[in-house]
Amino acid sequence: MRRPGDTAAPGPLSALERQVLAARLPAGDAGLAPLAAQARAATANGRTWSGVGFLTRLAVPAAAPAADAEAAARLRPLRATHPGLGEPVEFLLQVRVGRLATLEAFCGDGYWPDDESAFRLVG
């Protein structure tokens, strides 16, 4: 079980993180294409768990195209349900200087579940 303050070393993104990025940055949306390309190449620079979620610092290759400010402004939170939680969780994607920076996830009801495979994205 992860505890608040636990961290993970750099490495690949989790299946849930990949699913969230793909849903938030669909390949067919031309306005988000640079961010979608960054997401496909991204890895985790590190991850910290809070007990009610996590914050993943994203590493994007320098060769990946930068997005304009308009693309970043279009990003909205993504929600997901989990059978172990009474309320949906939210995922927030932050962009800095045209590059994906962090993916934050948090729940407002209970603690972050260990079984992340049970999440269902709802929009």
N, C-alpha and C. Protein backbone atom coordinates (compact mmCIF):
# COMPACT_ATOMS: atom_id res chain seq x y z
N MET A 1 0.84 -1.18 0.00
CA MET A 1 0.00 0.00 0.00
C MET A 1 0.89 1.25 0.00
N ARG A 2 0.56 2.18 -0.86
CA ARG A 2 1.30 3.44 -0.91
C ARG A 2 0.83 4.35 0.21
N ARG A 3 1.77 5.09 0.75
CA ARG A 3 1.47 6.02 1.83
C ARG A 3 1.69 7.45 1.36
N PRO A 4 1.02 8.43 1.98
CA PRO A 4 1.27 9.83 1.61
C PRO A 4 2.76 10.16 1.70
N GLY A 5 3.24 10.80 0.66
CA GLY A 5 4.65 11.17 0.60
C GLY A 5 5.53 10.15 -0.09
N ASP A 6 5.01 8.93 -0.32
CA ASP A 6 5.79 7.95 -1.08
C ASP A 6 6.10 8.51 -2.45
N THR A 7 7.27 8.18 -2.95
CA THR A 7 7.68 8.65 -4.27
C THR A 7 8.15 7.48 -5.12
N ALA A 8 8.17 7.69 -6.42
CA ALA A 8 8.68 6.69 -7.36
C ALA A 8 9.74 7.35 -8.21
N ALA A 9 10.75 6.58 -8.54
CA ALA A 9 11.84 7.06 -9.39
C ALA A 9 11.35 7.23 -10.83
N PRO A 10 12.11 7.93 -11.65
CA PRO A 10 11.73 8.06 -13.07
C PRO A 10 11.50 6.69 -13.71
N GLY A 11 10.59 6.67 -14.67
CA GLY A 11 10.30 5.41 -15.36
C GLY A 11 9.11 5.58 -16.28
N PRO A 12 8.55 4.48 -16.71
CA PRO A 12 7.41 4.54 -17.64
C PRO A 12 6.15 5.04 -16.93
N LEU A 13 5.23 5.55 -17.73
CA LEU A 13 3.93 5.95 -17.20
C LEU A 13 3.11 4.69 -16.92
N SER A 14 2.21 4.78 -15.96
CA SER A 14 1.33 3.65 -15.65
C SER A 14 0.27 3.51 -16.73
N ALA A 15 -0.41 2.38 -16.73
CA ALA A 15 -1.50 2.16 -17.69
C ALA A 15 -2.59 3.21 -17.49
N LEU A 16 -2.90 3.56 -16.25
CA LEU A 16 -3.92 4.57 -15.99
C LEU A 16 -3.47 5.94 -16.51
N GLU A 17 -2.24 6.30 -16.28
CA GLU A 17 -1.73 7.58 -16.79
C GLU A 17 -1.79 7.64 -18.31
N ARG A 18 -1.42 6.57 -18.96
CA ARG A 18 -1.49 6.52 -20.44
C ARG A 18 -2.94 6.64 -20.91
N GLN A 19 -3.86 5.96 -20.23
CA GLN A 19 -5.27 6.01 -20.59
C GLN A 19 -5.80 7.44 -20.45
N VAL A 20 -5.46 8.11 -19.37
CA VAL A 20 -5.91 9.48 -19.14
C VAL A 20 -5.36 10.42 -20.20
N LEU A 21 -4.06 10.31 -20.51
CA LEU A 21 -3.46 11.18 -21.52
C LEU A 21 -4.10 10.96 -22.89
N ALA A 22 -4.34 9.70 -23.24
CA ALA A 22 -4.96 9.40 -24.54
C ALA A 22 -6.38 9.96 -24.62
N ALA A 23 -7.12 9.90 -23.53
CA ALA A 23 -8.49 10.40 -23.51
C ALA A 23 -8.53 11.93 -23.55
N ARG A 24 -7.63 12.56 -22.86
CA ARG A 24 -7.62 14.03 -22.79
C ARG A 24 -7.01 14.63 -24.06
N LEU A 25 -6.13 13.90 -24.73
CA LEU A 25 -5.42 14.42 -25.91
C LEU A 25 -5.64 13.48 -27.09
N PRO A 26 -6.86 13.42 -27.62
CA PRO A 26 -7.14 12.48 -28.71
C PRO A 26 -6.32 12.80 -29.96
N ALA A 27 -5.84 11.77 -30.61
CA ALA A 27 -4.97 11.93 -31.78
C ALA A 27 -5.65 12.68 -32.92
N GLY A 28 -6.96 12.63 -33.04
CA GLY A 28 -7.66 13.26 -34.15
C GLY A 28 -7.93 14.75 -33.97
N ASP A 29 -7.60 15.31 -32.82
CA ASP A 29 -7.85 16.73 -32.56
C ASP A 29 -6.63 17.54 -32.98
N ALA A 30 -6.71 18.21 -34.13
CA ALA A 30 -5.57 18.93 -34.69
C ALA A 30 -5.04 20.00 -33.75
N GLY A 31 -5.92 20.66 -33.00
CA GLY A 31 -5.48 21.71 -32.08
C GLY A 31 -4.65 21.20 -30.92
N LEU A 32 -4.84 19.93 -30.59
CA LEU A 32 -4.09 19.33 -29.49
C LEU A 32 -2.98 18.41 -29.98
N ALA A 33 -2.73 18.37 -31.29
CA ALA A 33 -1.76 17.44 -31.87
C ALA A 33 -0.38 17.54 -31.24
N PRO A 34 0.18 18.74 -31.01
CA PRO A 34 1.50 18.78 -30.39
C PRO A 34 1.52 18.15 -28.98
N LEU A 35 0.46 18.41 -28.20
CA LEU A 35 0.41 17.83 -26.86
C LEU A 35 0.20 16.32 -26.93
N ALA A 36 -0.59 15.85 -27.90
CA ALA A 36 -0.80 14.41 -28.07
C ALA A 36 0.51 13.73 -28.44
N ALA A 37 1.30 14.37 -29.30
CA ALA A 37 2.61 13.81 -29.68
C ALA A 37 3.54 13.76 -28.46
N GLN A 38 3.50 14.81 -27.66
CA GLN A 38 4.31 14.82 -26.44
C GLN A 38 3.88 13.68 -25.51
N ALA A 39 2.57 13.49 -25.36
CA ALA A 39 2.05 12.46 -24.46
C ALA A 39 2.50 11.06 -24.89
N ARG A 40 2.50 10.82 -26.20
CA ARG A 40 2.92 9.49 -26.68
C ARG A 40 4.38 9.21 -26.36
N ALA A 41 5.20 10.25 -26.27
CA ALA A 41 6.63 10.07 -26.01
C ALA A 41 7.00 10.28 -24.54
N ALA A 42 6.04 10.70 -23.72
CA ALA A 42 6.34 11.07 -22.33
C ALA A 42 6.66 9.87 -21.46
N THR A 43 7.46 10.14 -20.45
CA THR A 43 7.73 9.20 -19.37
C THR A 43 7.52 9.95 -18.06
N ALA A 44 7.59 9.22 -16.96
CA ALA A 44 7.46 9.85 -15.65
C ALA A 44 8.85 10.26 -15.17
N ASN A 45 8.99 11.53 -14.87
CA ASN A 45 10.23 12.03 -14.29
C ASN A 45 10.26 11.71 -12.79
N GLY A 46 9.12 11.40 -12.25
CA GLY A 46 8.95 11.04 -10.85
C GLY A 46 7.48 11.11 -10.51
N ARG A 47 7.13 10.54 -9.36
CA ARG A 47 5.72 10.49 -8.97
C ARG A 47 5.67 10.56 -7.45
N THR A 48 4.69 11.32 -6.93
CA THR A 48 4.49 11.43 -5.49
C THR A 48 3.03 11.13 -5.20
N TRP A 49 2.78 10.27 -4.20
CA TRP A 49 1.43 9.94 -3.79
C TRP A 49 1.06 10.77 -2.57
N SER A 50 -0.20 11.23 -2.54
CA SER A 50 -0.66 12.07 -1.43
C SER A 50 -1.56 11.32 -0.47
N GLY A 51 -1.98 10.14 -0.82
CA GLY A 51 -2.97 9.40 -0.04
C GLY A 51 -4.33 9.49 -0.70
N VAL A 52 -4.63 10.65 -1.30
CA VAL A 52 -5.89 10.83 -2.01
C VAL A 52 -5.66 10.97 -3.52
N GLY A 53 -4.46 10.71 -3.97
CA GLY A 53 -4.12 10.81 -5.38
C GLY A 53 -2.63 10.81 -5.60
N PHE A 54 -2.22 11.38 -6.72
CA PHE A 54 -0.80 11.42 -7.03
C PHE A 54 -0.49 12.62 -7.92
N LEU A 55 0.77 12.95 -8.00
CA LEU A 55 1.27 13.97 -8.91
C LEU A 55 2.43 13.34 -9.67
N THR A 56 2.28 13.25 -10.98
CA THR A 56 3.34 12.70 -11.83
C THR A 56 3.99 13.85 -12.59
N ARG A 57 5.29 13.98 -12.43
CA ARG A 57 6.05 14.97 -13.19
C ARG A 57 6.43 14.30 -14.51
N LEU A 58 6.02 14.93 -15.61
CA LEU A 58 6.21 14.34 -16.92
C LEU A 58 7.52 14.78 -17.56
N ALA A 59 8.18 13.86 -18.22
CA ALA A 59 9.39 14.15 -18.99
C ALA A 59 9.03 13.96 -20.46
N VAL A 60 9.24 15.02 -21.23
CA VAL A 60 8.93 15.01 -22.66
C VAL A 60 10.23 15.23 -23.43
N PRO A 61 10.52 14.41 -24.44
CA PRO A 61 11.75 14.61 -25.21
C PRO A 61 11.82 16.01 -25.81
N ALA A 62 13.00 16.58 -25.84
CA ALA A 62 13.19 17.94 -26.37
C ALA A 62 12.76 18.04 -27.83
N ALA A 63 12.84 16.96 -28.58
CA ALA A 63 12.49 16.98 -30.00
C ALA A 63 10.98 17.01 -30.24
N ALA A 64 10.18 16.74 -29.21
CA ALA A 64 8.72 16.76 -29.38
C ALA A 64 8.27 18.19 -29.63
N PRO A 65 7.28 18.37 -30.52
CA PRO A 65 6.82 19.73 -30.85
C PRO A 65 6.17 20.41 -29.64
N ALA A 66 6.40 21.70 -29.51
CA ALA A 66 5.76 22.48 -28.44
C ALA A 66 4.37 22.90 -28.88
N ALA A 67 3.48 23.06 -27.93
CA ALA A 67 2.11 23.50 -28.21
C ALA A 67 2.01 25.00 -27.99
N ASP A 68 1.03 25.61 -28.64
CA ASP A 68 0.80 27.03 -28.40
C ASP A 68 -0.10 27.21 -27.18
N ALA A 69 -0.21 28.43 -26.70
CA ALA A 69 -0.99 28.72 -25.50
C ALA A 69 -2.46 28.37 -25.69
N GLU A 70 -2.96 28.46 -26.89
CA GLU A 70 -4.36 28.14 -27.17
C GLU A 70 -4.66 26.67 -26.88
N ALA A 71 -3.73 25.79 -27.23
CA ALA A 71 -3.93 24.36 -26.98
C ALA A 71 -4.01 24.09 -25.48
N ALA A 72 -3.10 24.67 -24.72
CA ALA A 72 -3.09 24.46 -23.28
C ALA A 72 -4.36 25.00 -22.64
N ALA A 73 -4.88 26.11 -23.14
CA ALA A 73 -6.09 26.71 -22.59
C ALA A 73 -7.32 25.83 -22.81
N ARG A 74 -7.28 24.92 -23.77
CA ARG A 74 -8.42 24.05 -24.07
C ARG A 74 -8.51 22.85 -23.13
N LEU A 75 -7.49 22.59 -22.37
CA LEU A 75 -7.49 21.41 -21.50
C LEU A 75 -8.44 21.61 -20.34
N ARG A 76 -9.23 20.61 -20.07
CA ARG A 76 -10.18 20.62 -18.97
C ARG A 76 -9.92 19.38 -18.12
N PRO A 77 -10.38 19.39 -16.86
CA PRO A 77 -10.22 18.20 -16.03
C PRO A 77 -10.94 17.00 -16.65
N LEU A 78 -10.43 15.84 -16.39
CA LEU A 78 -11.04 14.59 -16.82
C LEU A 78 -11.49 13.87 -15.56
N ARG A 79 -12.65 13.27 -15.60
CA ARG A 79 -13.18 12.57 -14.43
C ARG A 79 -13.23 11.08 -14.69
N ALA A 80 -13.17 10.33 -13.59
CA ALA A 80 -13.26 8.87 -13.67
C ALA A 80 -13.97 8.36 -12.42
N THR A 81 -14.61 7.22 -12.57
CA THR A 81 -15.26 6.57 -11.43
C THR A 81 -14.44 5.34 -11.04
N HIS A 82 -14.65 4.92 -9.81
CA HIS A 82 -14.01 3.71 -9.28
C HIS A 82 -15.01 3.09 -8.31
N PRO A 83 -15.22 1.76 -8.36
CA PRO A 83 -16.21 1.14 -7.49
C PRO A 83 -15.90 1.29 -6.00
N GLY A 84 -14.66 1.58 -5.65
CA GLY A 84 -14.29 1.74 -4.24
C GLY A 84 -14.44 3.16 -3.73
N LEU A 85 -14.89 4.07 -4.58
CA LEU A 85 -15.02 5.47 -4.20
C LEU A 85 -16.45 5.94 -4.40
N GLY A 86 -16.93 6.80 -3.52
CA GLY A 86 -18.29 7.29 -3.61
C GLY A 86 -18.48 8.42 -4.60
N GLU A 87 -17.40 9.10 -4.96
CA GLU A 87 -17.47 10.21 -5.90
C GLU A 87 -16.41 10.04 -6.98
N PRO A 88 -16.61 10.66 -8.14
CA PRO A 88 -15.59 10.58 -9.20
C PRO A 88 -14.28 11.26 -8.77
N VAL A 89 -13.21 10.82 -9.37
CA VAL A 89 -11.91 11.46 -9.17
C VAL A 89 -11.67 12.41 -10.35
N GLU A 90 -10.73 13.31 -10.18
CA GLU A 90 -10.37 14.23 -11.25
C GLU A 90 -8.91 14.08 -11.61
N PHE A 91 -8.63 14.27 -12.89
CA PHE A 91 -7.27 14.29 -13.42
C PHE A 91 -7.05 15.65 -14.06
N LEU A 92 -5.98 16.31 -13.68
CA LEU A 92 -5.62 17.61 -14.23
C LEU A 92 -4.29 17.51 -14.94
N LEU A 93 -4.22 18.05 -16.12
CA LEU A 93 -3.00 18.04 -16.92
C LEU A 93 -2.49 19.47 -17.00
N GLN A 94 -1.24 19.69 -16.60
CA GLN A 94 -0.66 21.03 -16.63
C GLN A 94 0.39 21.12 -17.72
N VAL A 95 0.39 22.27 -18.38
CA VAL A 95 1.33 22.55 -19.47
C VAL A 95 2.12 23.78 -19.08
N ARG A 96 3.43 23.74 -19.29
CA ARG A 96 4.28 24.90 -19.04
C ARG A 96 5.12 25.15 -20.28
N VAL A 97 5.05 26.35 -20.78
CA VAL A 97 5.81 26.79 -21.96
C VAL A 97 5.63 25.80 -23.12
N GLY A 98 4.37 25.41 -23.35
CA GLY A 98 4.05 24.56 -24.48
C GLY A 98 4.40 23.09 -24.31
N ARG A 99 4.75 22.67 -23.10
CA ARG A 99 5.18 21.30 -22.87
C ARG A 99 4.39 20.70 -21.70
N LEU A 100 4.02 19.43 -21.84
CA LEU A 100 3.36 18.74 -20.74
C LEU A 100 4.28 18.76 -19.53
N ALA A 101 3.72 19.11 -18.37
CA ALA A 101 4.54 19.24 -17.17
C ALA A 101 4.14 18.24 -16.08
N THR A 102 2.86 18.20 -15.74
CA THR A 102 2.42 17.30 -14.67
C THR A 102 1.04 16.74 -14.97
N LEU A 103 0.79 15.58 -14.40
CA LEU A 103 -0.53 14.98 -14.38
C LEU A 103 -0.87 14.77 -12.91
N GLU A 104 -1.95 15.41 -12.48
CA GLU A 104 -2.36 15.32 -11.09
C GLU A 104 -3.69 14.59 -11.02
N ALA A 105 -3.82 13.70 -10.04
CA ALA A 105 -5.06 12.96 -9.83
C ALA A 105 -5.43 13.05 -8.36
N PHE A 106 -6.73 13.21 -8.10
CA PHE A 106 -7.15 13.28 -6.70
C PHE A 106 -8.61 12.87 -6.57
N CYS A 107 -8.93 12.36 -5.39
CA CYS A 107 -10.31 12.01 -5.07
C CYS A 107 -10.76 12.84 -3.88
N GLY A 108 -12.03 13.14 -3.83
CA GLY A 108 -12.57 13.93 -2.74
C GLY A 108 -13.28 13.10 -1.69
N ASP A 109 -13.31 11.80 -1.91
CA ASP A 109 -14.05 10.91 -1.02
C ASP A 109 -13.23 9.66 -0.79
N GLY A 110 -12.61 9.53 0.35
CA GLY A 110 -11.84 8.34 0.65
C GLY A 110 -10.38 8.47 0.26
N TYR A 111 -9.72 7.33 0.18
CA TYR A 111 -8.30 7.28 -0.16
C TYR A 111 -8.12 6.67 -1.54
N TRP A 112 -7.03 7.02 -2.17
CA TRP A 112 -6.75 6.51 -3.52
C TRP A 112 -6.68 5.00 -3.48
N PRO A 113 -7.44 4.32 -4.35
CA PRO A 113 -7.47 2.86 -4.34
C PRO A 113 -6.17 2.25 -4.89
N ASP A 114 -5.82 1.10 -4.35
CA ASP A 114 -4.63 0.38 -4.84
C ASP A 114 -4.86 -0.19 -6.23
N ASP A 115 -6.09 -0.63 -6.51
CA ASP A 115 -6.40 -1.24 -7.81
C ASP A 115 -6.82 -0.17 -8.81
N GLU A 116 -5.86 0.34 -9.56
CA GLU A 116 -6.15 1.38 -10.54
C GLU A 116 -6.81 0.84 -11.81
N SER A 117 -6.81 -0.47 -12.00
CA SER A 117 -7.41 -1.03 -13.21
C SER A 117 -8.94 -0.90 -13.22
N ALA A 118 -9.54 -0.61 -12.06
CA ALA A 118 -11.00 -0.52 -11.97
C ALA A 118 -11.53 0.89 -12.32
N PHE A 119 -10.66 1.84 -12.59
CA PHE A 119 -11.11 3.17 -12.98
C PHE A 119 -11.80 3.13 -14.34
N ARG A 120 -12.87 3.91 -14.49
CA ARG A 120 -13.56 4.08 -15.76
C ARG A 120 -13.67 5.58 -16.03
N LEU A 121 -13.10 6.01 -17.14
CA LEU A 121 -13.15 7.42 -17.50
C LEU A 121 -14.56 7.80 -17.91
N VAL A 122 -15.03 8.95 -17.42
CA VAL A 122 -16.38 9.39 -17.73
C VAL A 122 -16.41 10.76 -18.42
N GLY A 123 -15.30 11.39 -18.56
CA GLY A 123 -15.26 12.67 -19.28
C GLY A 123 -14.96 13.85 -18.42
